[in-house]
PDB file of N, CA and C in Angstrom:
ATOM      1  N   MET A   1     -11.287 -10.063  -0.519  1.00  0.00           N
ATOM      2  CA  MET A   1     -11.061 -10.691   0.750  1.00  0.00           C
ATOM      3  C   MET A   1     -11.315 -12.188   0.642  1.00  0.00           C
ATOM      4  N   GLU A   2     -12.336 -12.575  -0.093  1.00  0.00           N
ATOM      5  CA  GLU A   2     -12.651 -13.995  -0.230  1.00  0.00           C
ATOM      6  C   GLU A   2     -11.537 -14.740  -0.962  1.00  0.00           C
ATOM      7  N   ARG A   3     -10.923 -14.112  -1.960  1.00  0.00           N
ATOM      8  CA  ARG A   3      -9.809 -14.760  -2.667  1.00  0.00           C
ATOM      9  C   ARG A   3      -8.612 -14.943  -1.750  1.00  0.00           C
ATOM     10  N   ILE A   4      -8.336 -13.962  -0.911  1.00  0.00           N
ATOM     11  CA  ILE A   4      -7.212 -14.074   0.022  1.00  0.00           C
ATOM     12  C   ILE A   4      -7.489 -15.183   1.030  1.00  0.00           C
ATOM     13  N   ALA A   5      -8.705 -15.240   1.546  1.00  0.00           N
ATOM     14  CA  ALA A   5      -9.068 -16.297   2.495  1.00  0.00           C
ATOM     15  C   ALA A   5      -8.926 -17.666   1.841  1.00  0.00           C
ATOM     16  N   ALA A   6      -9.368 -17.784   0.600  1.00  0.00           N
ATOM     17  CA  ALA A   6      -9.228 -19.059  -0.109  1.00  0.00           C
ATOM     18  C   ALA A   6      -7.758 -19.405  -0.306  1.00  0.00           C
ATOM     19  N   PHE A   7      -6.956 -18.423  -0.659  1.00  0.00           N
ATOM     20  CA  PHE A   7      -5.520 -18.641  -0.846  1.00  0.00           C
ATOM     21  C   PHE A   7      -4.875 -19.127   0.448  1.00  0.00           C
ATOM     22  N   LEU A   8      -5.295 -18.564   1.579  1.00  0.00           N
ATOM     23  CA  LEU A   8      -4.753 -18.940   2.887  1.00  0.00           C
ATOM     24  C   LEU A   8      -5.435 -20.181   3.462  1.00  0.00           C
ATOM     25  N   ASP A   9      -6.447 -20.672   2.752  1.00  0.00           N
ATOM     26  CA  ASP A   9      -7.208 -21.846   3.171  1.00  0.00           C
ATOM     27  C   ASP A   9      -7.835 -21.637   4.549  1.00  0.00           C
ATOM     28  N   ILE A  10      -8.473 -20.474   4.703  1.00  0.00           N
ATOM     29  CA  ILE A  10      -9.184 -20.178   5.946  1.00  0.00           C
ATOM     30  C   ILE A  10     -10.616 -19.777   5.610  1.00  0.00           C
ATOM     31  N   GLU A  11     -11.489 -19.966   6.565  1.00  0.00           N
ATOM     32  CA  GLU A  11     -12.878 -19.561   6.387  1.00  0.00           C
ATOM     33  C   GLU A  11     -13.109 -18.213   7.056  1.00  0.00           C
ATOM     34  N   VAL A  12     -13.818 -17.354   6.369  1.00  0.00           N
ATOM     35  CA  VAL A  12     -14.219 -16.069   6.944  1.00  0.00           C
ATOM     36  C   VAL A  12     -15.742 -16.072   6.972  1.00  0.00           C
ATOM     37  N   PRO A  13     -16.322 -16.086   8.163  1.00  0.00           N
ATOM     38  CA  PRO A  13     -17.788 -16.085   8.248  1.00  0.00           C
ATOM     39  C   PRO A  13     -18.384 -14.877   7.521  1.00  0.00           C
ATOM     40  N   GLU A  14     -19.390 -15.131   6.742  1.00  0.00           N
ATOM     41  CA  GLU A  14     -20.044 -14.087   5.943  1.00  0.00           C
ATOM     42  C   GLU A  14     -20.458 -12.890   6.795  1.00  0.00           C
ATOM     43  N   ALA A  15     -20.922 -13.146   8.004  1.00  0.00           N
ATOM     44  CA  ALA A  15     -21.383 -12.068   8.886  1.00  0.00           C
ATOM     45  C   ALA A  15     -20.248 -11.145   9.324  1.00  0.00           C
ATOM     46  N   GLU A  16     -19.004 -11.632   9.269  1.00  0.00           N
ATOM     47  CA  GLU A  16     -17.863 -10.817   9.701  1.00  0.00           C
ATOM     48  C   GLU A  16     -17.269  -9.967   8.577  1.00  0.00           C
ATOM     49  N   LEU A  17     -17.640 -10.241   7.335  1.00  0.00           N
ATOM     50  CA  LEU A  17     -17.059  -9.518   6.202  1.00  0.00           C
ATOM     51  C   LEU A  17     -17.245  -8.006   6.268  1.00  0.00           C
ATOM     52  N   PRO A  18     -18.435  -7.478   6.552  1.00  0.00           N
ATOM     53  CA  PRO A  18     -18.574  -6.013   6.584  1.00  0.00           C
ATOM     54  C   PRO A  18     -17.622  -5.337   7.572  1.00  0.00           C
ATOM     55  N   GLY A  19     -17.486  -5.883   8.766  1.00  0.00           N
ATOM     56  CA  GLY A  19     -16.579  -5.304   9.758  1.00  0.00           C
ATOM     57  C   GLY A  19     -15.128  -5.405   9.337  1.00  0.00           C
ATOM     58  N   LEU A  20     -14.759  -6.541   8.753  1.00  0.00           N
ATOM     59  CA  LEU A  20     -13.385  -6.711   8.281  1.00  0.00           C
ATOM     60  C   LEU A  20     -13.074  -5.730   7.160  1.00  0.00           C
ATOM     61  N   LEU A  21     -13.999  -5.595   6.232  1.00  0.00           N
ATOM     62  CA  LEU A  21     -13.786  -4.673   5.116  1.00  0.00           C
ATOM     63  C   LEU A  21     -13.683  -3.229   5.601  1.00  0.00           C
ATOM     64  N   GLU A  22     -14.477  -2.862   6.590  1.00  0.00           N
ATOM     65  CA  GLU A  22     -14.397  -1.508   7.150  1.00  0.00           C
ATOM     66  C   GLU A  22     -13.032  -1.273   7.782  1.00  0.00           C
ATOM     67  N   ASN A  23     -12.519  -2.271   8.492  1.00  0.00           N
ATOM     68  CA  ASN A  23     -11.204  -2.139   9.132  1.00  0.00           C
ATOM     69  C   ASN A  23     -10.069  -2.063   8.122  1.00  0.00           C
ATOM     70  N   LEU A  24     -10.315  -2.503   6.902  1.00  0.00           N
ATOM     71  CA  LEU A  24      -9.299  -2.446   5.854  1.00  0.00           C
ATOM     72  C   LEU A  24      -9.459  -1.235   4.946  1.00  0.00           C
ATOM     73  N   SER A  25     -10.411  -0.380   5.248  1.00  0.00           N
ATOM     74  CA  SER A  25     -10.657   0.786   4.400  1.00  0.00           C
ATOM     75  C   SER A  25      -9.531   1.811   4.542  1.00  0.00           C
ATOM     76  N   LEU A  26      -9.424   2.668   3.560  1.00  0.00           N
ATOM     77  CA  LEU A  26      -8.417   3.725   3.580  1.00  0.00           C
ATOM     78  C   LEU A  26      -8.614   4.635   4.793  1.00  0.00           C
ATOM     79  N   ALA A  27      -9.851   4.958   5.103  1.00  0.00           N
ATOM     80  CA  ALA A  27     -10.129   5.814   6.268  1.00  0.00           C
ATOM     81  C   ALA A  27      -9.675   5.147   7.560  1.00  0.00           C
ATOM     82  N   ALA A  28      -9.918   3.847   7.690  1.00  0.00           N
ATOM     83  CA  ALA A  28      -9.503   3.133   8.901  1.00  0.00           C
ATOM     84  C   ALA A  28      -7.984   3.086   9.012  1.00  0.00           C
ATOM     85  N   MET A  29      -7.299   2.883   7.884  1.00  0.00           N
ATOM     86  CA  MET A  29      -5.829   2.865   7.923  1.00  0.00           C
ATOM     87  C   MET A  29      -5.280   4.227   8.333  1.00  0.00           C
ATOM     88  N   ARG A  30      -5.876   5.289   7.813  1.00  0.00           N
ATOM     89  CA  ARG A  30      -5.438   6.638   8.195  1.00  0.00           C
ATOM     90  C   ARG A  30      -5.649   6.888   9.684  1.00  0.00           C
ATOM     91  N   ASP A  31      -6.836   6.532  10.157  1.00  0.00           N
ATOM     92  CA  ASP A  31      -7.153   6.759  11.570  1.00  0.00           C
ATOM     93  C   ASP A  31      -6.218   5.978  12.480  1.00  0.00           C
ATOM     94  N   GLU A  32      -5.971   4.717  12.142  1.00  0.00           N
ATOM     95  CA  GLU A  32      -5.091   3.889  12.968  1.00  0.00           C
ATOM     96  C   GLU A  32      -3.668   4.435  12.972  1.00  0.00           C
ATOM     97  N   ALA A  33      -3.180   4.825  11.811  1.00  0.00           N
ATOM     98  CA  ALA A  33      -1.818   5.366  11.736  1.00  0.00           C
ATOM     99  C   ALA A  33      -1.701   6.670  12.514  1.00  0.00           C
ATOM    100  N   ALA A  34      -2.697   7.532  12.402  1.00  0.00           N
ATOM    101  CA  ALA A  34      -2.660   8.805  13.138  1.00  0.00           C
ATOM    102  C   ALA A  34      -2.681   8.564  14.647  1.00  0.00           C
ATOM    103  N   ARG A  35      -3.423   7.575  15.074  1.00  0.00           N
ATOM    104  CA  ARG A  35      -3.547   7.267  16.495  1.00  0.00           C
ATOM    105  C   ARG A  35      -2.314   6.526  17.028  1.00  0.00           C
ATOM    106  N   ASP A  36      -1.845   5.535  16.280  1.00  0.00           N
ATOM    107  CA  ASP A  36      -0.809   4.634  16.792  1.00  0.00           C
ATOM    108  C   ASP A  36       0.606   4.964  16.336  1.00  0.00           C
ATOM    109  N   ARG A  37       0.750   5.833  15.359  1.00  0.00           N
ATOM    110  CA  ARG A  37       2.080   6.154  14.830  1.00  0.00           C
ATOM    111  C   ARG A  37       2.253   7.665  14.668  1.00  0.00           C
ATOM    112  N   PRO A  38       2.267   8.401  15.768  1.00  0.00           N
ATOM    113  CA  PRO A  38       2.355   9.861  15.682  1.00  0.00           C
ATOM    114  C   PRO A  38       3.645  10.338  15.018  1.00  0.00           C
ATOM    115  N   GLN A  39       4.678   9.518  15.011  1.00  0.00           N
ATOM    116  CA  GLN A  39       5.934   9.922  14.377  1.00  0.00           C
ATOM    117  C   GLN A  39       5.770  10.125  12.868  1.00  0.00           C
ATOM    118  N   MET A  40       4.725   9.551  12.276  1.00  0.00           N
ATOM    119  CA  MET A  40       4.499   9.746  10.844  1.00  0.00           C
ATOM    120  C   MET A  40       4.239  11.211  10.524  1.00  0.00           C
ATOM    121  N   ALA A  41       3.682  11.942  11.464  1.00  0.00           N
ATOM    122  CA  ALA A  41       3.423  13.370  11.253  1.00  0.00           C
ATOM    123  C   ALA A  41       4.723  14.146  11.116  1.00  0.00           C
ATOM    124  N   GLN A  42       5.795  13.626  11.671  1.00  0.00           N
ATOM    125  CA  GLN A  42       7.095  14.290  11.577  1.00  0.00           C
ATOM    126  C   GLN A  42       7.812  13.942  10.278  1.00  0.00           C
ATOM    127  N   ILE A  43       7.478  12.797   9.698  1.00  0.00           N
ATOM    128  CA  ILE A  43       8.165  12.329   8.491  1.00  0.00           C
ATOM    129  C   ILE A  43       7.542  12.926   7.233  1.00  0.00           C
ATOM    130  N   TRP A  44       6.204  12.905   7.147  1.00  0.00           N
ATOM    131  CA  TRP A  44       5.512  13.410   5.970  1.00  0.00           C
ATOM    132  C   TRP A  44       4.942  14.788   6.269  1.00  0.00           C
ATOM    133  N   THR A  45       5.070  15.682   5.320  1.00  0.00           N
ATOM    134  CA  THR A  45       4.671  17.069   5.495  1.00  0.00           C
ATOM    135  C   THR A  45       3.267  17.208   6.063  1.00  0.00           C
ATOM    136  N   GLU A  46       2.334  16.459   5.529  1.00  0.00           N
ATOM    137  CA  GLU A  46       0.956  16.553   6.004  1.00  0.00           C
ATOM    138  C   GLU A  46       0.526  15.297   6.758  1.00  0.00           C
ATOM    139  N   GLY A  47       1.483  14.592   7.321  1.00  0.00           N
ATOM    140  CA  GLY A  47       1.185  13.423   8.139  1.00  0.00           C
ATOM    141  C   GLY A  47       0.653  12.242   7.360  1.00  0.00           C
ATOM    142  N   VAL A  48      -0.118  11.409   8.048  1.00  0.00           N
ATOM    143  CA  VAL A  48      -0.585  10.165   7.450  1.00  0.00           C
ATOM    144  C   VAL A  48      -1.522  10.390   6.268  1.00  0.00           C
ATOM    145  N   ARG A  49      -2.145  11.543   6.193  1.00  0.00           N
ATOM    146  CA  ARG A  49      -3.053  11.798   5.068  1.00  0.00           C
ATOM    147  C   ARG A  49      -2.301  11.800   3.734  1.00  0.00           C
ATOM    148  N   THR A  50      -1.030  12.175   3.747  1.00  0.00           N
ATOM    149  CA  THR A  50      -0.268  12.128   2.499  1.00  0.00           C
ATOM    150  C   THR A  50       0.354  10.761   2.274  1.00  0.00           C
ATOM    151  N   PHE A  51       0.616  10.009   3.353  1.00  0.00           N
ATOM    152  CA  PHE A  51       1.145   8.658   3.183  1.00  0.00           C
ATOM    153  C   PHE A  51       0.053   7.743   2.648  1.00  0.00           C
ATOM    154  N   PHE A  52      -1.106   7.763   3.283  1.00  0.00           N
ATOM    155  CA  PHE A  52      -2.276   7.030   2.807  1.00  0.00           C
ATOM    156  C   PHE A  52      -3.147   8.043   2.073  1.00  0.00           C
ATOM    157  N   PHE A  53      -2.816   8.339   0.834  1.00  0.00           N
ATOM    158  CA  PHE A  53      -3.462   9.455   0.163  1.00  0.00           C
ATOM    159  C   PHE A  53      -4.782   9.063  -0.491  1.00  0.00           C
ATOM    160  N   LYS A  54      -4.722   8.334  -1.590  1.00  0.00           N
ATOM    161  CA  LYS A  54      -5.945   7.991  -2.304  1.00  0.00           C
ATOM    162  C   LYS A  54      -6.148   6.492  -2.462  1.00  0.00           C
ATOM    163  N   GLY A  55      -5.156   5.718  -2.135  1.00  0.00           N
ATOM    164  CA  GLY A  55      -5.297   4.282  -2.302  1.00  0.00           C
ATOM    165  C   GLY A  55      -5.183   3.840  -3.747  1.00  0.00           C
ATOM    166  N   THR A  56      -4.512   4.636  -4.556  1.00  0.00           N
ATOM    167  CA  THR A  56      -4.293   4.264  -5.951  1.00  0.00           C
ATOM    168  C   THR A  56      -2.813   4.009  -6.178  1.00  0.00           C
ATOM    169  N   ASN A  57      -2.522   3.183  -7.146  1.00  0.00           N
ATOM    170  CA  ASN A  57      -1.140   2.812  -7.435  1.00  0.00           C
ATOM    171  C   ASN A  57      -0.537   3.687  -8.531  1.00  0.00           C
ATOM    172  N   GLY A  58       0.761   3.888  -8.440  1.00  0.00           N
ATOM    173  CA  GLY A  58       1.501   4.559  -9.500  1.00  0.00           C
ATOM    174  C   GLY A  58       1.495   6.072  -9.467  1.00  0.00           C
ATOM    175  N   ARG A  59       0.804   6.677  -8.510  1.00  0.00           N
ATOM    176  CA  ARG A  59       0.738   8.139  -8.455  1.00  0.00           C
ATOM    177  C   ARG A  59       2.102   8.767  -8.267  1.00  0.00           C
ATOM    178  N   TRP A  60       3.014   8.049  -7.630  1.00  0.00           N
ATOM    179  CA  TRP A  60       4.340   8.581  -7.344  1.00  0.00           C
ATOM    180  C   TRP A  60       5.076   8.955  -8.625  1.00  0.00           C
ATOM    181  N   LYS A  61       4.769   8.287  -9.735  1.00  0.00           N
ATOM    182  CA  LYS A  61       5.461   8.585 -10.992  1.00  0.00           C
ATOM    183  C   LYS A  61       5.131   9.985 -11.498  1.00  0.00           C
ATOM    184  N   ASP A  62       3.972  10.512 -11.114  1.00  0.00           N
ATOM    185  CA  ASP A  62       3.580  11.859 -11.532  1.00  0.00           C
ATOM    186  C   ASP A  62       4.170  12.941 -10.639  1.00  0.00           C
ATOM    187  N   VAL A  63       4.775  12.540  -9.524  1.00  0.00           N
ATOM    188  CA  VAL A  63       5.320  13.489  -8.555  1.00  0.00           C
ATOM    189  C   VAL A  63       6.819  13.690  -8.754  1.00  0.00           C
ATOM    190  N   LEU A  64       7.507  12.634  -9.188  1.00  0.00           N
ATOM    191  CA  LEU A  64       8.961  12.700  -9.337  1.00  0.00           C
ATOM    192  C   LEU A  64       9.365  13.400 -10.629  1.00  0.00           C
ATOM    193  N   SER A  65      10.520  14.046 -10.581  1.00  0.00           N
ATOM    194  CA  SER A  65      11.067  14.687 -11.780  1.00  0.00           C
ATOM    195  C   SER A  65      11.641  13.614 -12.705  1.00  0.00           C
ATOM    196  N   ALA A  66      11.965  13.992 -13.923  1.00  0.00           N
ATOM    197  CA  ALA A  66      12.567  13.055 -14.873  1.00  0.00           C
ATOM    198  C   ALA A  66      13.877  12.498 -14.327  1.00  0.00           C
ATOM    199  N   ASP A  67      14.687  13.343 -13.704  1.00  0.00           N
ATOM    200  CA  ASP A  67      15.950  12.879 -13.114  1.00  0.00           C
ATOM    201  C   ASP A  67      15.699  11.895 -11.973  1.00  0.00           C
ATOM    202  N   GLU A  68      14.701  12.187 -11.145  1.00  0.00           N
ATOM    203  CA  GLU A  68      14.384  11.288 -10.031  1.00  0.00           C
ATOM    204  C   GLU A  68      13.857   9.946 -10.539  1.00  0.00           C
ATOM    205  N   LEU A  69      13.022   9.979 -11.574  1.00  0.00           N
ATOM    206  CA  LEU A  69      12.526   8.736 -12.162  1.00  0.00           C
ATOM    207  C   LEU A  69      13.661   7.919 -12.759  1.00  0.00           C
ATOM    208  N   SER A  70      14.589   8.588 -13.414  1.00  0.00           N
ATOM    209  CA  SER A  70      15.747   7.902 -13.984  1.00  0.00           C
ATOM    210  C   SER A  70      16.581   7.239 -12.893  1.00  0.00           C
ATOM    211  N   LEU A  71      16.813   7.964 -11.809  1.00  0.00           N
ATOM    212  CA  LEU A  71      17.560   7.413 -10.680  1.00  0.00           C
ATOM    213  C   LEU A  71      16.820   6.218 -10.081  1.00  0.00           C
ATOM    214  N   TYR A  72      15.507   6.334  -9.960  1.00  0.00           N
ATOM    215  CA  TYR A  72      14.713   5.218  -9.449  1.00  0.00           C
ATOM    216  C   TYR A  72      14.861   4.004 -10.360  1.00  0.00           C
ATOM    217  N   GLU A  73      14.712   4.202 -11.663  1.00  0.00           N
ATOM    218  CA  GLU A  73      14.809   3.093 -12.617  1.00  0.00           C
ATOM    219  C   GLU A  73      16.153   2.384 -12.500  1.00  0.00           C
ATOM    220  N   GLU A  74      17.227   3.154 -12.447  1.00  0.00           N
ATOM    221  CA  GLU A  74      18.571   2.577 -12.326  1.00  0.00           C
ATOM    222  C   GLU A  74      18.710   1.795 -11.024  1.00  0.00           C
ATOM    223  N   THR A  75      18.266   2.389  -9.937  1.00  0.00           N
ATOM    224  CA  THR A  75      18.404   1.753  -8.623  1.00  0.00           C
ATOM    225  C   THR A  75      17.526   0.513  -8.517  1.00  0.00           C
ATOM    226  N   ALA A  76      16.294   0.600  -8.989  1.00  0.00           N
ATOM    227  CA  ALA A  76      15.384  -0.547  -8.925  1.00  0.00           C
ATOM    228  C   ALA A  76      15.922  -1.714  -9.744  1.00  0.00           C
ATOM    229  N   ALA A  77      16.443  -1.432 -10.934  1.00  0.00           N
ATOM    230  CA  ALA A  77      16.993  -2.494 -11.777  1.00  0.00           C
ATOM    231  C   ALA A  77      18.183  -3.169 -11.106  1.00  0.00           C
ATOM    232  N   ARG A  78      18.955  -2.402 -10.391  1.00  0.00           N
ATOM    233  CA  ARG A  78      20.165  -2.922  -9.742  1.00  0.00           C
ATOM    234  C   ARG A  78      19.856  -3.650  -8.434  1.00  0.00           C
ATOM    235  N   GLU A  79      18.904  -3.151  -7.659  1.00  0.00           N
ATOM    236  CA  GLU A  79      18.713  -3.625  -6.283  1.00  0.00           C
ATOM    237  C   GLU A  79      17.531  -4.568  -6.060  1.00  0.00           C
ATOM    238  N   LEU A  80      16.534  -4.546  -6.911  1.00  0.00           N
ATOM    239  CA  LEU A  80      15.305  -5.293  -6.648  1.00  0.00           C
ATOM    240  C   LEU A  80      15.153  -6.507  -7.552  1.00  0.00           C
ATOM    241  N   THR A  81      14.575  -7.563  -6.996  1.00  0.00           N
ATOM    242  CA  THR A  81      14.192  -8.691  -7.839  1.00  0.00           C
ATOM    243  C   THR A  81      12.968  -8.256  -8.647  1.00  0.00           C
ATOM    244  N   PRO A  82      12.703  -8.918  -9.757  1.00  0.00           N
ATOM    245  CA  PRO A  82      11.501  -8.560 -10.526  1.00  0.00           C
ATOM    246  C   PRO A  82      10.219  -8.665  -9.692  1.00  0.00           C
ATOM    247  N   GLU A  83      10.144  -9.681  -8.830  1.00  0.00           N
ATOM    248  CA  GLU A  83       8.956  -9.851  -7.992  1.00  0.00           C
ATOM    249  C   GLU A  83       8.807  -8.695  -7.006  1.00  0.00           C
ATOM    250  N   CYS A  84       9.920  -8.310  -6.383  1.00  0.00           N
ATOM    251  CA  CYS A  84       9.884  -7.209  -5.420  1.00  0.00           C
ATOM    252  C   CYS A  84       9.509  -5.902  -6.119  1.00  0.00           C
ATOM    253  N   ARG A  85      10.075  -5.685  -7.269  1.00  0.00           N
ATOM    254  CA  ARG A  85       9.771  -4.456  -7.999  1.00  0.00           C
ATOM    255  C   ARG A  85       8.297  -4.408  -8.400  1.00  0.00           C
ATOM    256  N   SER A  86       7.781  -5.536  -8.849  1.00  0.00           N
ATOM    257  CA  SER A  86       6.375  -5.613  -9.226  1.00  0.00           C
ATOM    258  C   SER A  86       5.474  -5.265  -8.049  1.00  0.00           C
ATOM    259  N   TRP A  87       5.797  -5.817  -6.874  1.00  0.00           N
ATOM    260  CA  TRP A  87       5.008  -5.524  -5.677  1.00  0.00           C
ATOM    261  C   TRP A  87       5.136  -4.051  -5.301  1.00  0.00           C
ATOM    262  N   LEU A  88       6.364  -3.549  -5.298  1.00  0.00           N
ATOM    263  CA  LEU A  88       6.622  -2.173  -4.889  1.00  0.00           C
ATOM    264  C   LEU A  88       5.917  -1.170  -5.796  1.00  0.00           C
ATOM    265  N   GLU A  89       5.867  -1.462  -7.068  1.00  0.00           N
ATOM    266  CA  GLU A  89       5.277  -0.534  -8.025  1.00  0.00           C
ATOM    267  C   GLU A  89       3.763  -0.663  -8.115  1.00  0.00           C
ATOM    268  N   GLY A  90       3.205  -1.497  -7.275  1.00  0.00           N
ATOM    269  CA  GLY A  90       1.759  -1.517  -7.149  1.00  0.00           C
ATOM    270  C   GLY A  90       1.020  -2.575  -7.919  1.00  0.00           C
ATOM    271  N   GLU A  91       1.740  -3.511  -8.511  1.00  0.00           N
ATOM    272  CA  GLU A  91       1.024  -4.571  -9.204  1.00  0.00           C
ATOM    273  C   GLU A  91       0.421  -5.556  -8.218  1.00  0.00           C
ATOM    274  N   GLY A  92       0.932  -5.528  -7.015  1.00  0.00           N
ATOM    275  CA  GLY A  92       0.361  -6.345  -5.950  1.00  0.00           C
ATOM    276  C   GLY A  92       0.780  -7.790  -5.997  1.00  0.00           C
ATOM    277  N   MET A  93       0.243  -8.518  -5.058  1.00  0.00           N
ATOM    278  CA  MET A  93       0.510  -9.942  -4.966  1.00  0.00           C
ATOM    279  C   MET A  93      -0.520 -10.682  -5.799  1.00  0.00           C
ATOM    280  N   LYS A  94      -0.104 -11.765  -6.388  1.00  0.00           N
ATOM    281  CA  LYS A  94      -1.013 -12.579  -7.192  1.00  0.00           C
ATOM    282  C   LYS A  94      -1.571 -13.705  -6.326  1.00  0.00           C
ATOM    283  N   PHE A  95      -2.870 -13.831  -6.325  1.00  0.00           N
ATOM    284  CA  PHE A  95      -3.536 -14.891  -5.585  1.00  0.00           C
ATOM    285  C   PHE A  95      -4.208 -15.823  -6.571  1.00  0.00           C
ATOM    286  N   CYS A  96      -4.299 -17.074  -6.191  1.00  0.00           N
ATOM    287  CA  CYS A  96      -4.945 -18.081  -7.047  1.00  0.00           C
ATOM    288  C   CYS A  96      -6.412 -17.779  -7.214  1.00  0.00           C
TER     289      CYS A  96
END
């Protein structure tokens, strides 16, 4: 959080960090989505718990079949910029 604040050139009071970090937790994201986006329960088999599953990157590669991964690779190479693909695949944004 401190690196992001520095990147954005904003100050985050030290006393506010615990509350901010709690609001950014996986549990908080699940709770907010379940409360504010009930349509997610219709899209994902087990609702927001499967959308916000473990907070780890790259797990989707273990779920797709070889054919699905191949289709993804072809489509990503054709449709995405390298930066977009990097973000989408979980490498995240780079901060100074």
